[in-house]
């Protein structure tokens, strides 16, 4: 006969504690001691953990530091993976509360790399009298020698100027920005290398030629043609108007100054000093353009 005794009710599964749920999502690396988070991670690699259903979401490593290790994170501090530098690690022993600045300086960002520099890109020391602190949104270190050089170049040629005149007078005559420094360099190159194309001028000035450089040189040559300083033949080759080899006059405040000109530096090699209105020294001017 069938058993008619009442069936025992199945007990519901025991609910896991937040700690048990947390450790179920962790894989311990025996070699490094890291607690690798195996569940959801954000784009930066940090794990996310919700200890209770429909509760607040925590970053996994912060929850482990506060609730497993029982430590407190001071206000304004963040946790740094000081031992392993792995965002997915949740081991409290690998974490240390630090300020945001110290955390950034310990990382691999551009700011961290620049903070470790002792010299600028030109070899000048970033210390002592040569150090300039720029106060903007953030304080930045700058090289005084390089600032002085850039200011001198800006004083001689100007970074950008406005072309006056009507639109019928020539290229860029209706307004817009041009590069006077490039105009003078192209004109100086054509004195020693007449009948040169825009590609040859670009190679002579920059040591390379691409579409962007050739476009800039073509615009500068067009402005020189408009000013009557350079002519272009049917083969689209440019030459200085008049007898090639004559000195080129460039508007230079140093040359027109009543006081003796100070030694300046070539804008191409930045080494050889020059004492005239030319923007390029004689060795660079007489050097042949590099072959394409």
Protein backbone atom coordinates (compact mmCIF):
# COMPACT_ATOMS: atom_id res chain seq x y z
CA UNK A 1 0.00 0.00 0.00
CA UNK A 2 1.16 3.48 -0.72
CA UNK A 3 2.66 5.41 2.09
CA UNK A 4 0.15 8.06 3.17
CA UNK A 5 2.33 9.61 5.83
CA UNK A 6 2.69 13.38 5.48
CA UNK A 7 5.72 14.45 3.43
CA UNK A 8 8.36 16.52 5.09
CA UNK A 9 8.57 20.07 3.79
CA UNK A 10 11.87 20.92 2.13
CA UNK A 11 13.69 23.58 4.06
CA UNK A 12 14.68 26.69 2.05
CA UNK A 13 18.41 27.07 1.38
CA UNK A 14 20.25 28.99 4.00
CA UNK A 15 20.97 32.56 2.90
CA UNK A 16 24.64 33.39 2.52
CA UNK A 17 26.16 36.18 4.52
CA UNK A 18 27.71 39.15 2.66
CA UNK A 19 31.16 37.88 3.57
CA UNK A 20 30.41 34.41 2.14
CA UNK A 21 28.99 35.96 -1.02
CA UNK A 22 32.07 38.18 -1.31
CA UNK A 23 34.60 35.36 -0.91
CA UNK A 24 32.69 33.25 -3.45
CA UNK A 25 33.56 35.88 -6.07
CA UNK A 26 37.25 35.97 -5.18
CA UNK A 27 40.04 33.76 -6.47
CA UNK A 28 43.20 33.77 -4.37
CA UNK A 29 46.46 33.88 -6.31
CA UNK A 30 48.90 31.76 -4.33
CA UNK A 31 51.99 33.26 -6.00
CA UNK A 32 51.23 36.95 -5.46
CA UNK A 33 48.71 36.73 -2.62
CA UNK A 34 46.20 38.82 -4.59
CA UNK A 35 42.46 38.34 -4.22
CA UNK A 36 41.44 38.49 -7.87
CA UNK A 37 37.85 39.64 -8.33
CA UNK A 38 35.95 37.31 -10.67
CA UNK A 39 32.58 39.08 -10.87
CA UNK A 40 31.58 42.36 -12.49
CA UNK A 41 34.33 44.94 -13.18
CA UNK A 42 34.13 48.46 -14.54
CA UNK A 43 36.13 49.84 -17.44
CA UNK A 44 39.11 50.60 -15.18
CA UNK A 45 39.23 47.01 -13.89
CA UNK A 46 37.82 47.64 -10.40
CA UNK A 47 35.28 45.13 -9.10
CA UNK A 48 31.78 46.04 -7.99
CA UNK A 49 29.98 44.38 -5.07
CA UNK A 50 26.46 44.75 -3.62
CA UNK A 51 26.45 43.19 -0.13
CA UNK A 52 22.65 43.08 0.20
CA UNK A 53 19.85 42.70 -2.29
CA UNK A 54 18.82 46.09 -3.68
CA UNK A 55 21.40 47.69 -1.45
CA UNK A 56 24.22 50.13 -2.01
CA UNK A 57 26.95 49.23 -4.48
CA UNK A 58 30.57 49.32 -3.32
CA UNK A 59 33.87 48.94 -5.04
CA UNK A 60 35.08 45.49 -4.08
CA UNK A 61 38.49 46.53 -2.78
CA UNK A 62 36.99 49.33 -0.65
CA UNK A 63 34.39 46.98 0.85
CA UNK A 64 37.10 44.46 1.72
CA UNK A 65 39.24 47.15 3.35
CA UNK A 66 36.39 48.55 5.46
CA UNK A 67 34.33 45.46 6.33
CA UNK A 68 36.81 42.58 6.23
CA UNK A 69 39.90 44.34 7.59
CA UNK A 70 37.77 46.66 9.74
CA UNK A 71 39.80 49.76 8.81
CA UNK A 72 38.55 53.26 8.04
CA UNK A 73 39.40 55.34 4.97
CA UNK A 74 40.00 58.99 5.99
CA UNK A 75 38.03 61.72 4.24
CA UNK A 76 39.69 62.89 1.05
CA UNK A 77 41.82 59.74 0.76
CA UNK A 78 41.70 56.93 -1.79
CA UNK A 79 43.02 53.37 -1.67
CA UNK A 80 46.22 52.64 -3.55
CA UNK A 81 47.29 49.14 -4.54
CA UNK A 82 50.74 49.71 -3.09
CA UNK A 83 51.90 46.08 -3.31
CA UNK A 84 50.55 44.74 -6.59
CA UNK A 85 49.21 47.72 -8.61
CA UNK A 86 46.34 45.55 -9.87
CA UNK A 87 42.84 47.14 -9.79
CA UNK A 88 41.09 43.76 -9.56
CA UNK A 89 42.92 42.83 -6.33
CA UNK A 90 40.81 43.02 -3.14
CA UNK A 91 43.37 41.88 -0.58
CA UNK A 92 43.27 44.46 2.27
CA UNK A 93 46.96 43.84 2.97
CA UNK A 94 47.81 45.19 -0.52
CA UNK A 95 45.91 48.46 0.01
CA UNK A 96 47.00 51.74 1.57
CA UNK A 97 45.00 54.99 1.98
CA UNK A 98 46.78 57.92 0.31
CA UNK A 99 45.82 61.32 -1.06
CA UNK A 100 44.67 61.63 -4.67
CA UNK A 101 47.86 63.49 -5.63
CA UNK A 102 50.12 60.83 -4.13
CA UNK A 103 48.09 58.13 -5.83
CA UNK A 104 48.50 59.88 -9.20
CA UNK A 105 52.24 60.37 -8.68
CA UNK A 106 52.65 56.65 -7.95
CA UNK A 107 50.89 55.70 -11.19
CA UNK A 108 51.95 55.60 -14.82
CA UNK A 109 50.20 58.75 -16.05
CA UNK A 110 51.78 61.63 -17.98
CA UNK A 111 51.70 63.78 -14.85
CA UNK A 112 53.58 61.11 -12.90
CA UNK A 113 56.23 60.84 -15.63
CA UNK A 114 56.67 64.62 -15.82
CA UNK A 115 56.99 64.91 -12.05
CA UNK A 116 60.04 62.63 -12.15
CA UNK A 117 61.85 64.73 -14.80
CA UNK A 118 64.92 66.63 -13.63
CA UNK A 119 65.72 68.23 -17.04
CA UNK A 120 63.62 69.60 -19.89
CA UNK A 121 63.63 68.13 -23.41
CA UNK A 122 66.58 70.38 -24.34
CA UNK A 123 68.71 69.27 -21.38
CA UNK A 124 68.21 72.32 -19.15
CA UNK A 125 67.90 71.57 -15.41
CA UNK A 126 64.45 72.03 -13.88
CA UNK A 127 65.81 73.41 -10.64
CA UNK A 128 67.42 76.48 -9.16
CA UNK A 129 67.29 79.76 -11.08
CA UNK A 130 66.24 77.98 -14.29
CA UNK A 131 62.94 76.75 -12.77
CA UNK A 132 59.76 78.73 -13.43
CA UNK A 133 56.50 77.82 -11.69
CA UNK A 134 53.50 78.58 -13.90
CA UNK A 135 50.42 79.37 -11.81
CA UNK A 136 47.29 78.49 -13.77
CA UNK A 137 44.49 76.09 -12.96
CA UNK A 138 47.32 73.88 -11.78
CA UNK A 139 50.91 74.69 -10.92
CA UNK A 140 53.30 73.53 -13.65
CA UNK A 141 57.09 73.52 -13.86
CA UNK A 142 58.64 75.22 -16.88
CA UNK A 143 62.19 75.83 -18.10
CA UNK A 144 63.20 79.51 -18.03
CA UNK A 145 65.78 79.06 -20.80
CA UNK A 146 63.18 77.57 -23.15
CA UNK A 147 60.65 80.28 -22.23
CA UNK A 148 63.23 82.95 -23.10
CA UNK A 149 64.01 81.28 -26.44
CA UNK A 150 60.33 81.01 -27.38
CA UNK A 151 59.74 84.64 -26.42
CA UNK A 152 62.68 85.71 -28.62
CA UNK A 153 61.34 83.75 -31.59
CA UNK A 154 57.91 85.24 -31.02
CA UNK A 155 59.38 88.75 -30.91
CA UNK A 156 61.29 88.30 -34.16
CA UNK A 157 58.74 86.60 -36.35
CA UNK A 158 55.46 86.45 -34.44
CA UNK A 159 53.44 83.33 -34.01
CA UNK A 160 50.44 84.48 -36.02
CA UNK A 161 49.61 87.81 -37.73
CA UNK A 162 46.56 89.16 -39.50
CA UNK A 163 46.79 89.99 -43.20
CA UNK A 164 45.10 93.27 -44.07
CA UNK A 165 43.52 94.13 -47.40
CA UNK A 166 40.60 93.19 -49.55
CA UNK A 167 39.82 89.76 -50.90
CA UNK A 168 40.75 90.80 -54.46
CA UNK A 169 44.38 91.59 -53.67
CA UNK A 170 45.61 88.03 -53.34
CA UNK A 171 45.61 84.87 -51.26
CA UNK A 172 44.52 85.35 -47.66
CA UNK A 173 44.03 89.07 -48.33
CA UNK A 174 40.52 89.12 -46.98
CA UNK A 175 41.71 88.20 -43.51
CA UNK A 176 42.84 85.03 -41.83
CA UNK A 177 46.07 83.86 -40.26
CA UNK A 178 49.41 83.25 -41.98
CA UNK A 179 52.87 82.11 -40.89
CA UNK A 180 55.39 84.93 -41.38
CA UNK A 181 58.19 82.78 -40.03
CA UNK A 182 57.54 80.19 -42.73
CA UNK A 183 57.35 82.96 -45.36
CA UNK A 184 60.83 84.21 -44.42
CA UNK A 185 62.29 80.71 -44.28
CA UNK A 186 60.87 79.80 -47.70
CA UNK A 187 62.18 83.05 -49.18
CA UNK A 188 65.60 82.49 -47.64
CA UNK A 189 65.70 78.95 -49.04
CA UNK A 190 64.80 80.11 -52.56
CA UNK A 191 67.71 82.58 -52.62
CA UNK A 192 70.18 79.69 -52.60
CA UNK A 193 67.95 77.18 -54.40
CA UNK A 194 66.06 78.89 -57.25
CA UNK A 195 63.51 77.02 -59.35
CA UNK A 196 62.40 74.76 -56.49
CA UNK A 197 59.02 73.08 -56.15
CA UNK A 198 56.92 73.12 -53.00
CA UNK A 199 58.07 69.57 -52.20
CA UNK A 200 61.73 70.56 -52.51
CA UNK A 201 61.17 73.62 -50.32
CA UNK A 202 59.47 71.45 -47.69
CA UNK A 203 62.37 68.98 -47.72
CA UNK A 204 64.85 71.83 -47.40
CA UNK A 205 63.05 73.44 -44.45
CA UNK A 206 61.70 70.46 -42.50
CA UNK A 207 63.79 67.51 -43.67
CA UNK A 208 60.63 65.68 -44.74
CA UNK A 209 57.57 66.24 -46.88
CA UNK A 210 53.98 65.18 -46.45
CA UNK A 211 50.65 66.55 -47.59
CA UNK A 212 50.29 68.85 -44.57
CA UNK A 213 53.80 70.34 -44.86
CA UNK A 214 53.50 70.78 -48.62
CA UNK A 215 50.15 72.53 -48.13
CA UNK A 216 51.74 74.99 -45.68
CA UNK A 217 54.69 75.65 -48.02
CA UNK A 218 52.34 76.12 -51.00
CA UNK A 219 50.35 78.71 -49.05
CA UNK A 220 53.54 80.55 -48.05
CA UNK A 221 54.85 80.52 -51.64
CA UNK A 222 51.50 81.83 -52.87
CA UNK A 223 51.72 84.75 -50.47
CA UNK A 224 55.29 85.51 -51.61
CA UNK A 225 54.10 85.50 -55.23
CA UNK A 226 51.27 87.85 -54.30
CA UNK A 227 53.73 90.23 -52.59
CA UNK A 228 55.87 90.30 -55.75
CA UNK A 229 58.90 88.74 -54.06
CA UNK A 230 58.74 85.32 -55.76
CA UNK A 231 57.62 84.25 -59.23
CA UNK A 232 56.24 80.90 -60.37
CA UNK A 233 56.83 79.47 -63.85
CA UNK A 234 54.66 77.12 -65.90
CA UNK A 235 56.27 74.08 -64.25
CA UNK A 236 55.11 75.32 -60.80
CA UNK A 237 58.65 76.07 -59.67
CA UNK A 238 59.37 79.12 -57.56
CA UNK A 239 62.25 81.60 -57.77
CA UNK A 240 63.11 84.92 -56.15
CA UNK A 241 62.24 87.87 -58.36
CA UNK A 242 65.44 89.48 -59.74
CA UNK A 243 68.96 88.09 -59.65
CA UNK A 244 69.22 84.98 -57.46
CA UNK A 245 71.74 85.20 -54.69
CA UNK A 246 71.01 88.75 -53.63
CA UNK A 247 70.49 89.33 -49.89
CA UNK A 248 66.93 88.91 -48.76
CA UNK A 249 65.54 91.71 -46.64
CA UNK A 250 63.30 90.49 -43.85
CA UNK A 251 61.56 92.80 -41.44
CA UNK A 252 63.47 92.19 -38.23
CA UNK A 253 63.31 94.49 -35.19
CA UNK A 254 66.88 93.50 -34.31
CA UNK A 255 68.22 94.68 -37.67
CA UNK A 256 66.35 98.02 -37.50
CA UNK A 257 67.27 98.66 -33.87
CA UNK A 258 69.79 101.48 -33.29
CA UNK A 259 71.55 99.36 -30.64
CA UNK A 260 73.94 96.56 -31.66
CA UNK A 261 72.18 93.29 -32.39
CA UNK A 262 72.53 90.59 -29.77
CA UNK A 263 73.65 87.08 -30.79
CA UNK A 264 70.59 85.09 -31.82
CA UNK A 265 70.15 81.49 -32.83
CA UNK A 266 69.25 79.84 -36.12
CA UNK A 267 65.62 78.77 -36.25
CA UNK A 268 66.54 75.60 -38.17
CA UNK A 269 69.49 74.11 -36.28
CA UNK A 270 69.09 76.25 -33.11
CA UNK A 271 72.85 76.10 -32.57
CA UNK A 272 74.81 78.45 -34.84
CA UNK A 273 74.56 82.11 -33.76
CA UNK A 274 73.46 84.74 -36.26
CA UNK A 275 73.85 88.54 -36.13
CA UNK A 276 71.77 89.66 -39.11
CA UNK A 277 68.13 89.88 -40.07
CA UNK A 278 68.17 86.36 -41.47
CA UNK A 279 66.16 83.77 -39.62
CA UNK A 280 68.50 80.94 -40.73
CA UNK A 281 72.29 80.82 -40.32
CA UNK A 282 74.64 80.72 -43.33
CA UNK A 283 75.63 77.02 -43.00
CA UNK A 284 71.97 75.95 -42.98
CA UNK A 285 71.19 78.32 -45.85
CA UNK A 286 74.02 76.96 -48.03
CA UNK A 287 73.35 73.30 -47.19
CA UNK A 288 71.61 71.43 -50.04
CA UNK A 289 68.11 70.14 -49.37
CA UNK A 290 67.91 66.47 -48.35
CA UNK A 291 67.06 64.07 -51.13
CA UNK A 292 63.44 62.85 -51.12
